[in-house]
Amino acid sequence: MIDISRIPEPLRNPNNCQKDLIPPFKYSYGYRPSLAAGIVFCILFGIAFFGHTLQTIRLRRWTSGLLAIGALTELIGWAGRTWSAECPYNQNAFLMQIVTLIIGPVFFTSALYVLLGTFITILGRKYSIISPRMYTIIFLSCDVISLIIQAAGGAMASSAAGSQGDTKLGTNIMVAGVIFQLVAMTVFALLSADFYRRSTKFGMPAEYNRILLALFISLAAIYARSIFRTVELIEGWTGYLMEHEAYFIALDGALMVVAVLIFLPFDPARTIPKVYRATEKKESAEMSDFSTV
């Protein structure tokens, strides 16, 4: 633990904007964040937020709303990193990005849970081990728990890091939250694969398969990101992954862009009504054939 009285005055103020390194005090990140990366990701998540917000207003779908909230959370986080590029010691900017970027993917997984539950409702309970209602209760509850754990741990760790204190407790809490999220996603992935296996015989329109493919790609991106964050946090705040921004850009920022932007060209909010109408027509035709017999 560093004696607070020895910390230079510019670093004691959480609102400071000290740009240059003050040895032996490292930047809060272990490096000075890239301004270019911050701007690029703010633009990308801004596009995702605008697109999904527009769909939320137009079509009033839960999936669009959750994706929009997740994109906004990521946007705030990368705005914090952009701020940190100019003020790398600033504790408020550091807290702003670490809390939002650790919890942002929770909203994306929630959208995936709701999306699969919607498809089960449309196709029928026979294609799923558990009911759509149970998907909502079980997995959204897991997301809320994960969100609370990660946010609490992130706030504790960032506060300690900003004051050059011990980040171990907060980091351990964050790791627990991410691992809990990984377990929930693993179970969801297995159930999703089983649903896909059962429903492939149904003969749904091409839009159906495209949306399911987008779901699996998004889930894979979030899953890979969660593994990265788990390893990163286990290594600690002075670990190799934590102190090299390239890994964070590639294995967090870029993966989350894929997870949310893929649902702009393959938008479930537009496709689900089409799938529902196609299902109704198929069922009506089958009933008509049966009555003829």
C-alpha atoms as a PDB file:
ATOM      1  CA  MET A   1       0.000   0.000   0.000  1.00  0.00           C
ATOM      2  CA  ILE A   2       1.363   3.393  -1.024  1.00  0.00           C
ATOM      3  CA  ASP A   3       1.372   6.202   1.520  1.00  0.00           C
ATOM      4  CA  ILE A   4      -1.359   8.619   0.390  1.00  0.00           C
ATOM      5  CA  SER A   5       0.691  11.581   1.581  1.00  0.00           C
ATOM      6  CA  ARG A   6       3.343  10.699  -0.992  1.00  0.00           C
ATOM      7  CA  ILE A   7       0.941  10.755  -3.934  1.00  0.00           C
ATOM      8  CA  PRO A   8       1.453  13.928  -6.022  1.00  0.00           C
ATOM      9  CA  GLU A   9      -1.296  16.517  -5.662  1.00  0.00           C
ATOM     10  CA  PRO A  10      -2.547  16.167  -9.268  1.00  0.00           C
ATOM     11  CA  LEU A  11      -3.299  12.477  -8.608  1.00  0.00           C
ATOM     12  CA  ARG A  12      -5.194  13.025  -5.374  1.00  0.00           C
ATOM     13  CA  ASN A  13      -7.948  14.882  -7.208  1.00  0.00           C
ATOM     14  CA  PRO A  14     -10.337  12.412  -8.899  1.00  0.00           C
ATOM     15  CA  ASN A  15     -11.112  15.072 -11.519  1.00  0.00           C
ATOM     16  CA  ASN A  16      -7.475  15.587 -12.517  1.00  0.00           C
ATOM     17  CA  CYS A  17      -6.359  15.587 -16.142  1.00  0.00           C
ATOM     18  CA  GLN A  18      -2.679  14.819 -15.743  1.00  0.00           C
ATOM     19  CA  LYS A  19      -1.537  13.590 -19.156  1.00  0.00           C
ATOM     20  CA  ASP A  20       2.128  12.741 -18.620  1.00  0.00           C
ATOM     21  CA  LEU A  21       3.366   9.751 -16.647  1.00  0.00           C
ATOM     22  CA  ILE A  22       4.460  10.522 -13.079  1.00  0.00           C
ATOM     23  CA  PRO A  23       6.932   7.793 -12.028  1.00  0.00           C
ATOM     24  CA  PRO A  24       6.595   5.545 -10.097  1.00  0.00           C
ATOM     25  CA  PHE A  25       2.798   5.925 -10.363  1.00  0.00           C
ATOM     26  CA  LYS A  26       1.464   3.985 -13.336  1.00  0.00           C
ATOM     27  CA  TYR A  27      -1.529   5.102 -15.302  1.00  0.00           C
ATOM     28  CA  SER A  28      -4.747   3.587 -13.937  1.00  0.00           C
ATOM     29  CA  TYR A  29      -4.795   1.172 -16.884  1.00  0.00           C
ATOM     30  CA  GLY A  30      -1.084   0.405 -16.852  1.00  0.00           C
ATOM     31  CA  TYR A  31      -0.911   2.282 -20.170  1.00  0.00           C
ATOM     32  CA  ARG A  32      -2.378   5.371 -21.791  1.00  0.00           C
ATOM     33  CA  PRO A  33      -5.541   4.348 -23.679  1.00  0.00           C
ATOM     34  CA  SER A  34      -5.661   4.861 -27.425  1.00  0.00           C
ATOM     35  CA  LEU A  35      -7.622   7.928 -28.477  1.00  0.00           C
ATOM     36  CA  ALA A  36      -8.164   6.517 -31.985  1.00  0.00           C
ATOM     37  CA  ALA A  37      -9.570   3.241 -30.628  1.00  0.00           C
ATOM     38  CA  GLY A  38     -11.856   5.152 -28.275  1.00  0.00           C
ATOM     39  CA  ILE A  39     -13.276   7.260 -31.101  1.00  0.00           C
ATOM     40  CA  VAL A  40     -13.753   4.272 -33.451  1.00  0.00           C
ATOM     41  CA  PHE A  41     -15.601   2.198 -30.865  1.00  0.00           C
ATOM     42  CA  CYS A  42     -17.733   5.162 -29.792  1.00  0.00           C
ATOM     43  CA  ILE A  43     -18.828   5.529 -33.430  1.00  0.00           C
ATOM     44  CA  LEU A  44     -19.535   1.796 -33.855  1.00  0.00           C
ATOM     45  CA  PHE A  45     -21.519   1.449 -30.637  1.00  0.00           C
ATOM     46  CA  GLY A  46     -23.245   4.744 -31.421  1.00  0.00           C
ATOM     47  CA  ILE A  47     -24.435   3.257 -34.726  1.00  0.00           C
ATOM     48  CA  ALA A  48     -25.648   0.137 -32.909  1.00  0.00           C
ATOM     49  CA  PHE A  49     -27.434   2.223 -30.274  1.00  0.00           C
ATOM     50  CA  PHE A  50     -29.138   4.414 -32.864  1.00  0.00           C
ATOM     51  CA  GLY A  51     -30.192   1.469 -35.025  1.00  0.00           C
ATOM     52  CA  HIS A  52     -31.615  -0.667 -32.226  1.00  0.00           C
ATOM     53  CA  THR A  53     -33.265   2.327 -30.550  1.00  0.00           C
ATOM     54  CA  LEU A  54     -35.012   3.149 -33.818  1.00  0.00           C
ATOM     55  CA  GLN A  55     -36.245  -0.439 -34.074  1.00  0.00           C
ATOM     56  CA  THR A  56     -37.392  -0.345 -30.450  1.00  0.00           C
ATOM     57  CA  ILE A  57     -39.504   2.728 -31.161  1.00  0.00           C
ATOM     58  CA  ARG A  58     -40.864   1.375 -34.454  1.00  0.00           C
ATOM     59  CA  LEU A  59     -41.539  -2.257 -33.577  1.00  0.00           C
ATOM     60  CA  ARG A  60     -41.585  -2.294 -29.767  1.00  0.00           C
ATOM     61  CA  ARG A  61     -39.596  -5.516 -29.370  1.00  0.00           C
ATOM     62  CA  TRP A  62     -37.782  -6.534 -26.187  1.00  0.00           C
ATOM     63  CA  THR A  63     -34.795  -7.753 -28.173  1.00  0.00           C
ATOM     64  CA  SER A  64     -34.235  -4.354 -29.783  1.00  0.00           C
ATOM     65  CA  GLY A  65     -34.630  -2.568 -26.451  1.00  0.00           C
ATOM     66  CA  LEU A  66     -32.102  -4.777 -24.674  1.00  0.00           C
ATOM     67  CA  LEU A  67     -29.615  -4.508 -27.547  1.00  0.00           C
ATOM     68  CA  ALA A  68     -30.019  -0.725 -27.503  1.00  0.00           C
ATOM     69  CA  ILE A  69     -29.356  -0.561 -23.751  1.00  0.00           C
ATOM     70  CA  GLY A  70     -26.309  -2.796 -24.129  1.00  0.00           C
ATOM     71  CA  ALA A  71     -24.970  -0.663 -26.987  1.00  0.00           C
ATOM     72  CA  LEU A  72     -25.499   2.488 -24.910  1.00  0.00           C
ATOM     73  CA  THR A  73     -23.661   0.908 -21.976  1.00  0.00           C
ATOM     74  CA  GLU A  74     -20.727   0.025 -24.240  1.00  0.00           C
ATOM     75  CA  LEU A  75     -20.827   3.522 -25.753  1.00  0.00           C
ATOM     76  CA  ILE A  76     -20.571   5.114 -22.297  1.00  0.00           C
ATOM     77  CA  GLY A  77     -17.683   2.808 -21.447  1.00  0.00           C
ATOM     78  CA  TRP A  78     -15.723   3.660 -24.560  1.00  0.00           C
ATOM     79  CA  ALA A  79     -16.487   7.342 -24.036  1.00  0.00           C
ATOM     80  CA  GLY A  80     -14.790   6.884 -20.657  1.00  0.00           C
ATOM     81  CA  ARG A  81     -11.760   5.322 -22.327  1.00  0.00           C
ATOM     82  CA  THR A  82     -11.691   8.167 -24.851  1.00  0.00           C
ATOM     83  CA  TRP A  83     -11.719  10.594 -21.930  1.00  0.00           C
ATOM     84  CA  SER A  84      -8.934   8.572 -20.319  1.00  0.00           C
ATOM     85  CA  ALA A  85      -6.818   8.914 -23.456  1.00  0.00           C
ATOM     86  CA  GLU A  86      -6.488  12.588 -22.564  1.00  0.00           C
ATOM     87  CA  CYS A  87      -6.687  12.153 -18.782  1.00  0.00           C
ATOM     88  CA  PRO A  88      -5.228   8.671 -18.033  1.00  0.00           C
ATOM     89  CA  TYR A  89      -5.018   9.244 -14.265  1.00  0.00           C
ATOM     90  CA  ASN A  90      -8.601  10.484 -13.959  1.00  0.00           C
ATOM     91  CA  GLN A  91     -10.447   8.235 -11.497  1.00  0.00           C
ATOM     92  CA  ASN A  92     -13.919   9.235 -12.676  1.00  0.00           C
ATOM     93  CA  ALA A  93     -13.136   8.293 -16.281  1.00  0.00           C
ATOM     94  CA  PHE A  94     -11.595   5.015 -15.117  1.00  0.00           C
ATOM     95  CA  LEU A  95     -14.629   4.150 -12.976  1.00  0.00           C
ATOM     96  CA  MET A  96     -16.971   5.138 -15.796  1.00  0.00           C
ATOM     97  CA  GLN A  97     -15.422   2.703 -18.267  1.00  0.00           C
ATOM     98  CA  ILE A  98     -14.698  -0.266 -16.044  1.00  0.00           C
ATOM     99  CA  VAL A  99     -18.212  -0.570 -14.598  1.00  0.00           C
ATOM    100  CA  THR A 100     -20.022  -0.109 -17.909  1.00  0.00           C
ATOM    101  CA  LEU A 101     -17.761  -2.324 -20.033  1.00  0.00           C
ATOM    102  CA  ILE A 102     -17.888  -5.193 -17.564  1.00  0.00           C
ATOM    103  CA  ILE A 103     -21.708  -5.207 -17.466  1.00  0.00           C
ATOM    104  CA  GLY A 104     -22.551  -4.214 -21.067  1.00  0.00           C
ATOM    105  CA  PRO A 105     -22.569  -7.794 -22.426  1.00  0.00           C
ATOM    106  CA  VAL A 106     -25.181  -8.767 -19.817  1.00  0.00           C
ATOM    107  CA  PHE A 107     -27.798  -6.841 -21.813  1.00  0.00           C
ATOM    108  CA  PHE A 108     -26.734  -8.619 -25.014  1.00  0.00           C
ATOM    109  CA  THR A 109     -27.135 -12.052 -23.432  1.00  0.00           C
ATOM    110  CA  SER A 110     -30.533 -10.975 -22.090  1.00  0.00           C
ATOM    111  CA  ALA A 111     -31.580 -10.143 -25.659  1.00  0.00           C
ATOM    112  CA  LEU A 112     -30.477 -13.608 -26.782  1.00  0.00           C
ATOM    113  CA  TYR A 113     -32.477 -15.268 -24.001  1.00  0.00           C
ATOM    114  CA  VAL A 114     -35.601 -13.317 -24.936  1.00  0.00           C
ATOM    115  CA  LEU A 115     -35.051 -14.027 -28.636  1.00  0.00           C
ATOM    116  CA  LEU A 116     -34.848 -17.790 -28.194  1.00  0.00           C
ATOM    117  CA  GLY A 117     -37.881 -17.742 -25.905  1.00  0.00           C
ATOM    118  CA  THR A 118     -39.802 -15.903 -28.626  1.00  0.00           C
ATOM    119  CA  PHE A 119     -38.918 -18.508 -31.229  1.00  0.00           C
ATOM    120  CA  ILE A 120     -40.031 -21.279 -28.884  1.00  0.00           C
ATOM    121  CA  THR A 121     -43.343 -19.481 -28.409  1.00  0.00           C
ATOM    122  CA  ILE A 122     -43.793 -19.273 -32.185  1.00  0.00           C
ATOM    123  CA  LEU A 123     -42.722 -22.802 -33.059  1.00  0.00           C
ATOM    124  CA  GLY A 124     -44.141 -24.605 -30.078  1.00  0.00           C
ATOM    125  CA  ARG A 125     -43.077 -26.024 -26.736  1.00  0.00           C
ATOM    126  CA  LYS A 126     -42.267 -29.413 -28.292  1.00  0.00           C
ATOM    127  CA  TYR A 127     -38.998 -28.040 -29.711  1.00  0.00           C
ATOM    128  CA  SER A 128     -37.532 -27.043 -26.345  1.00  0.00           C
ATOM    129  CA  ILE A 129     -36.640 -28.817 -23.129  1.00  0.00           C
ATOM    130  CA  ILE A 130     -37.937 -25.906 -21.061  1.00  0.00           C
ATOM    131  CA  SER A 131     -40.744 -23.420 -21.687  1.00  0.00           C
ATOM    132  CA  PRO A 132     -40.278 -19.822 -22.890  1.00  0.00           C
ATOM    133  CA  ARG A 133     -41.461 -18.630 -19.484  1.00  0.00           C
ATOM    134  CA  MET A 134     -38.745 -20.649 -17.763  1.00  0.00           C
ATOM    135  CA  TYR A 135     -36.127 -19.172 -20.116  1.00  0.00           C
ATOM    136  CA  THR A 136     -37.207 -15.738 -18.977  1.00  0.00           C
ATOM    137  CA  ILE A 137     -37.278 -16.598 -15.291  1.00  0.00           C
ATOM    138  CA  ILE A 138     -34.049 -18.614 -15.149  1.00  0.00           C
ATOM    139  CA  PHE A 139     -31.696 -16.827 -17.519  1.00  0.00           C
ATOM    140  CA  LEU A 140     -32.810 -13.240 -16.989  1.00  0.00           C
ATOM    141  CA  SER A 141     -32.517 -13.859 -13.235  1.00  0.00           C
ATOM    142  CA  CYS A 142     -28.976 -15.119 -13.840  1.00  0.00           C
ATOM    143  CA  ASP A 143     -28.233 -11.959 -15.832  1.00  0.00           C
ATOM    144  CA  VAL A 144     -29.510  -9.708 -13.045  1.00  0.00           C
ATOM    145  CA  ILE A 145     -27.401 -11.540 -10.468  1.00  0.00           C
ATOM    146  CA  SER A 146     -24.351 -11.383 -12.731  1.00  0.00           C
ATOM    147  CA  LEU A 147     -24.969  -7.689 -13.384  1.00  0.00           C
ATOM    148  CA  ILE A 148     -25.102  -6.844  -9.672  1.00  0.00           C
ATOM    149  CA  ILE A 149     -22.003  -8.880  -8.820  1.00  0.00           C
ATOM    150  CA  GLN A 150     -19.896  -7.477 -11.657  1.00  0.00           C
ATOM    151  CA  ALA A 151     -21.000  -3.876 -11.095  1.00  0.00           C
ATOM    152  CA  ALA A 152     -20.249  -4.073  -7.367  1.00  0.00           C
ATOM    153  CA  GLY A 153     -16.868  -5.660  -7.954  1.00  0.00           C
ATOM    154  CA  GLY A 154     -16.000  -3.226 -10.721  1.00  0.00           C
ATOM    155  CA  ALA A 155     -16.824  -0.212  -8.552  1.00  0.00           C
ATOM    156  CA  MET A 156     -14.725  -1.557  -5.672  1.00  0.00           C
ATOM    157  CA  ALA A 157     -11.761  -2.472  -7.869  1.00  0.00           C
ATOM    158  CA  SER A 158     -11.711   0.778  -9.833  1.00  0.00           C
ATOM    159  CA  SER A 159     -11.943   2.846  -6.680  1.00  0.00           C
ATOM    160  CA  ALA A 160      -9.014   0.956  -5.167  1.00  0.00           C
ATOM    161  CA  ALA A 161      -6.979   1.167  -8.370  1.00  0.00           C
ATOM    162  CA  GLY A 162      -7.559   4.896  -8.671  1.00  0.00           C
ATOM    163  CA  SER A 163      -6.217   5.489  -5.153  1.00  0.00           C
ATOM    164  CA  GLN A 164      -3.302   3.054  -5.631  1.00  0.00           C
ATOM    165  CA  GLY A 165      -4.945   0.689  -3.126  1.00  0.00           C
ATOM    166  CA  ASP A 166      -5.567  -3.072  -2.974  1.00  0.00           C
ATOM    167  CA  THR A 167      -7.839  -4.196  -5.805  1.00  0.00           C
ATOM    168  CA  LYS A 168      -7.898  -7.900  -4.878  1.00  0.00           C
ATOM    169  CA  LEU A 169     -11.341  -8.050  -3.244  1.00  0.00           C
ATOM    170  CA  GLY A 170     -13.114  -6.089  -5.975  1.00  0.00           C
ATOM    171  CA  THR A 171     -11.334  -8.083  -8.676  1.00  0.00           C
ATOM    172  CA  ASN A 172     -12.324 -11.405  -7.094  1.00  0.00           C
ATOM    173  CA  ILE A 173     -15.945 -10.272  -6.982  1.00  0.00           C
ATOM    174  CA  MET A 174     -15.780  -9.301 -10.663  1.00  0.00           C
ATOM    175  CA  VAL A 175     -14.280 -12.691 -11.548  1.00  0.00           C
ATOM    176  CA  ALA A 176     -17.094 -14.435  -9.669  1.00  0.00           C
ATOM    177  CA  GLY A 177     -19.674 -12.427 -11.625  1.00  0.00           C
ATOM    178  CA  VAL A 178     -18.075 -13.181 -15.001  1.00  0.00           C
ATOM    179  CA  ILE A 179     -17.723 -16.900 -14.207  1.00  0.00           C
ATOM    180  CA  PHE A 180     -21.361 -17.020 -13.111  1.00  0.00           C
ATOM    181  CA  GLN A 181     -22.299 -15.435 -16.438  1.00  0.00           C
ATOM    182  CA  LEU A 182     -20.151 -17.999 -18.291  1.00  0.00           C
ATOM    183  CA  VAL A 183     -21.908 -20.891 -16.576  1.00  0.00           C
ATOM    184  CA  ALA A 184     -25.325 -19.468 -17.479  1.00  0.00           C
ATOM    185  CA  MET A 185     -24.251 -18.945 -21.098  1.00  0.00           C
ATOM    186  CA  THR A 186     -22.900 -22.498 -21.297  1.00  0.00           C
ATOM    187  CA  VAL A 187     -26.243 -23.928 -20.217  1.00  0.00           C
ATOM    188  CA  PHE A 188     -28.045 -21.595 -22.621  1.00  0.00           C
ATOM    189  CA  ALA A 189     -25.760 -22.623 -25.497  1.00  0.00           C
ATOM    190  CA  LEU A 190     -26.530 -26.297 -24.892  1.00  0.00           C
ATOM    191  CA  LEU A 191     -30.273 -25.615 -24.772  1.00  0.00           C
ATOM    192  CA  SER A 192     -30.043 -23.469 -27.916  1.00  0.00           C
ATOM    193  CA  ALA A 193     -28.216 -26.218 -29.791  1.00  0.00           C
ATOM    194  CA  ASP A 194     -30.858 -28.731 -28.705  1.00  0.00           C
ATOM    195  CA  PHE A 195     -33.629 -26.367 -29.831  1.00  0.00           C
ATOM    196  CA  TYR A 196     -31.966 -25.940 -33.222  1.00  0.00           C
ATOM    197  CA  ARG A 197     -31.589 -29.716 -33.621  1.00  0.00           C
ATOM    198  CA  ARG A 198     -35.246 -30.307 -32.804  1.00  0.00           C
ATOM    199  CA  SER A 199     -36.597 -27.464 -34.939  1.00  0.00           C
ATOM    200  CA  THR A 200     -34.615 -28.038 -38.148  1.00  0.00           C
ATOM    201  CA  LYS A 201     -37.264 -30.521 -39.262  1.00  0.00           C
ATOM    202  CA  PHE A 202     -39.934 -27.807 -39.152  1.00  0.00           C
ATOM    203  CA  GLY A 203     -39.036 -26.258 -42.522  1.00  0.00           C
ATOM    204  CA  MET A 204     -39.017 -22.605 -41.504  1.00  0.00           C
ATOM    205  CA  PRO A 205     -38.243 -19.703 -43.911  1.00  0.00           C
ATOM    206  CA  ALA A 206     -34.653 -18.682 -44.619  1.00  0.00           C
ATOM    207  CA  GLU A 207     -35.047 -15.657 -42.322  1.00  0.00           C
ATOM    208  CA  TYR A 208     -35.440 -18.057 -39.404  1.00  0.00           C
ATOM    209  CA  ASN A 209     -32.095 -19.746 -39.998  1.00  0.00           C
ATOM    210  CA  ARG A 210     -30.334 -16.413 -40.509  1.00  0.00           C
ATOM    211  CA  ILE A 211     -31.569 -15.076 -37.188  1.00  0.00           C
ATOM    212  CA  LEU A 212     -30.553 -18.265 -35.387  1.00  0.00           C
ATOM    213  CA  LEU A 213     -27.118 -18.056 -37.032  1.00  0.00           C
ATOM    214  CA  ALA A 214     -26.820 -14.457 -35.836  1.00  0.00           C
ATOM    215  CA  LEU A 215     -27.814 -15.606 -32.341  1.00  0.00           C
ATOM    216  CA  PHE A 216     -25.062 -18.242 -32.280  1.00  0.00           C
ATOM    217  CA  ILE A 217     -22.434 -15.812 -33.637  1.00  0.00           C
ATOM    218  CA  SER A 218     -23.380 -13.201 -31.056  1.00  0.00           C
ATOM    219  CA  LEU A 219     -23.347 -15.802 -28.277  1.00  0.00           C
ATOM    220  CA  ALA A 220     -19.914 -17.081 -29.389  1.00  0.00           C
ATOM    221  CA  ALA A 221     -18.517 -13.529 -29.378  1.00  0.00           C
ATOM    222  CA  ILE A 222     -19.851 -12.832 -25.875  1.00  0.00           C
ATOM    223  CA  TYR A 223     -18.613 -16.210 -24.645  1.00  0.00           C
ATOM    224  CA  ALA A 224     -15.089 -15.640 -26.010  1.00  0.00           C
ATOM    225  CA  ARG A 225     -15.037 -12.163 -24.492  1.00  0.00           C
ATOM    226  CA  SER A 226     -16.102 -13.509 -21.092  1.00  0.00           C
ATOM    227  CA  ILE A 227     -13.297 -16.086 -21.149  1.00  0.00           C
ATOM    228  CA  PHE A 228     -10.817 -13.323 -21.956  1.00  0.00           C
ATOM    229  CA  ARG A 229     -12.074 -11.081 -19.149  1.00  0.00           C
ATOM    230  CA  THR A 230     -11.947 -13.973 -16.687  1.00  0.00           C
ATOM    231  CA  VAL A 231      -8.309 -14.751 -17.510  1.00  0.00           C
ATOM    232  CA  GLU A 232      -7.455 -11.049 -17.554  1.00  0.00           C
ATOM    233  CA  LEU A 233      -8.929 -10.449 -14.103  1.00  0.00           C
ATOM    234  CA  ILE A 234      -7.395 -13.597 -12.632  1.00  0.00           C
ATOM    235  CA  GLU A 235      -3.971 -12.347 -13.767  1.00  0.00           C
ATOM    236  CA  GLY A 236      -4.640  -9.157 -11.810  1.00  0.00           C
ATOM    237  CA  TRP A 237      -4.326  -5.449 -12.501  1.00  0.00           C
ATOM    238  CA  THR A 238      -0.623  -5.728 -13.218  1.00  0.00           C
ATOM    239  CA  GLY A 239      -1.007  -8.831 -15.401  1.00  0.00           C
ATOM    240  CA  TYR A 240       0.149  -9.042 -19.001  1.00  0.00           C
ATOM    241  CA  LEU A 241      -3.330  -8.932 -20.546  1.00  0.00           C
ATOM    242  CA  MET A 242      -4.470  -6.057 -18.341  1.00  0.00           C
ATOM    243  CA  GLU A 243      -1.495  -3.871 -19.255  1.00  0.00           C
ATOM    244  CA  HIS A 244      -1.565  -4.442 -23.029  1.00  0.00           C
ATOM    245  CA  GLU A 245      -4.453  -2.614 -24.662  1.00  0.00           C
ATOM    246  CA  ALA A 246      -4.306  -4.532 -27.953  1.00  0.00           C
ATOM    247  CA  TYR A 247      -5.825  -7.593 -26.261  1.00  0.00           C
ATOM    248  CA  PHE A 248      -8.660  -5.540 -24.792  1.00  0.00           C
ATOM    249  CA  ILE A 249      -9.408  -3.937 -28.155  1.00  0.00           C
ATOM    250  CA  ALA A 250      -9.451  -7.276 -30.007  1.00  0.00           C
ATOM    251  CA  LEU A 251     -10.996  -9.551 -27.382  1.00  0.00           C
ATOM    252  CA  ASP A 252     -13.468  -7.187 -25.755  1.00  0.00           C
ATOM    253  CA  GLY A 253     -14.287  -4.160 -27.896  1.00  0.00           C
ATOM    254  CA  ALA A 254     -14.220  -5.860 -31.313  1.00  0.00           C
ATOM    255  CA  LEU A 255     -16.121  -8.934 -30.095  1.00  0.00           C
ATOM    256  CA  MET A 256     -18.840  -6.804 -28.543  1.00  0.00           C
ATOM    257  CA  VAL A 257     -19.193  -4.855 -31.778  1.00  0.00           C
ATOM    258  CA  VAL A 258     -19.815  -8.163 -33.570  1.00  0.00           C
ATOM    259  CA  ALA A 259     -22.254  -9.290 -30.859  1.00  0.00           C
ATOM    260  CA  VAL A 260     -24.523  -6.257 -31.261  1.00  0.00           C
ATOM    261  CA  LEU A 261     -24.015  -5.067 -34.851  1.00  0.00           C
ATOM    262  CA  ILE A 262     -24.843  -8.451 -36.359  1.00  0.00           C
ATOM    263  CA  PHE A 263     -28.459  -7.858 -35.351  1.00  0.00           C
ATOM    264  CA  LEU A 264     -28.738  -4.782 -37.556  1.00  0.00           C
ATOM    265  CA  PRO A 265     -28.646  -6.652 -40.905  1.00  0.00           C
ATOM    266  CA  PHE A 266     -30.241  -9.733 -39.306  1.00  0.00           C
ATOM    267  CA  ASP A 267     -32.761  -7.914 -37.185  1.00  0.00           C
ATOM    268  CA  PRO A 268     -35.060 -10.220 -35.186  1.00  0.00           C
ATOM    269  CA  ALA A 269     -37.495  -7.359 -34.618  1.00  0.00           C
ATOM    270  CA  ARG A 270     -38.260  -7.305 -38.361  1.00  0.00           C
ATOM    271  CA  THR A 271     -37.973 -11.047 -38.939  1.00  0.00           C
ATOM    272  CA  ILE A 272     -40.022 -12.457 -36.071  1.00  0.00           C
ATOM    273  CA  PRO A 273     -43.359 -11.153 -37.429  1.00  0.00           C
ATOM    274  CA  LYS A 274     -42.532 -12.762 -40.807  1.00  0.00           C
ATOM    275  CA  VAL A 275     -41.684 -16.075 -39.174  1.00  0.00           C
ATOM    276  CA  TYR A 276     -44.860 -15.887 -37.114  1.00  0.00           C
ATOM    277  CA  ARG A 277     -47.008 -15.261 -40.186  1.00  0.00           C
ATOM    278  CA  ALA A 278     -45.270 -18.080 -42.078  1.00  0.00           C
ATOM    279  CA  THR A 279     -45.930 -20.419 -39.167  1.00  0.00           C
ATOM    280  CA  GLU A 280     -49.602 -19.460 -39.064  1.00  0.00           C
ATOM    281  CA  LYS A 281     -49.949 -20.129 -42.807  1.00  0.00           C
ATOM    282  CA  LYS A 282     -48.264 -23.513 -42.488  1.00  0.00           C
ATOM    283  CA  GLU A 283     -50.486 -24.517 -39.578  1.00  0.00           C
ATOM    284  CA  SER A 284     -53.597 -23.300 -41.432  1.00  0.00           C
ATOM    285  CA  ALA A 285     -52.626 -25.343 -44.485  1.00  0.00           C
ATOM    286  CA  GLU A 286     -52.069 -28.435 -42.364  1.00  0.00           C
ATOM    287  CA  MET A 287     -55.445 -27.992 -40.661  1.00  0.00           C
ATOM    288  CA  SER A 288     -57.090 -27.515 -44.057  1.00  0.00           C
ATOM    289  CA  ASP A 289     -55.549 -30.756 -45.366  1.00  0.00           C
ATOM    290  CA  PHE A 290     -56.674 -32.583 -42.249  1.00  0.00           C
ATOM    291  CA  SER A 291     -60.246 -31.334 -42.573  1.00  0.00           C
ATOM    292  CA  THR A 292     -60.313 -32.372 -46.214  1.00  0.00           C
ATOM    293  CA  VAL A 293     -59.350 -35.871 -45.215  1.00  0.00           C
END
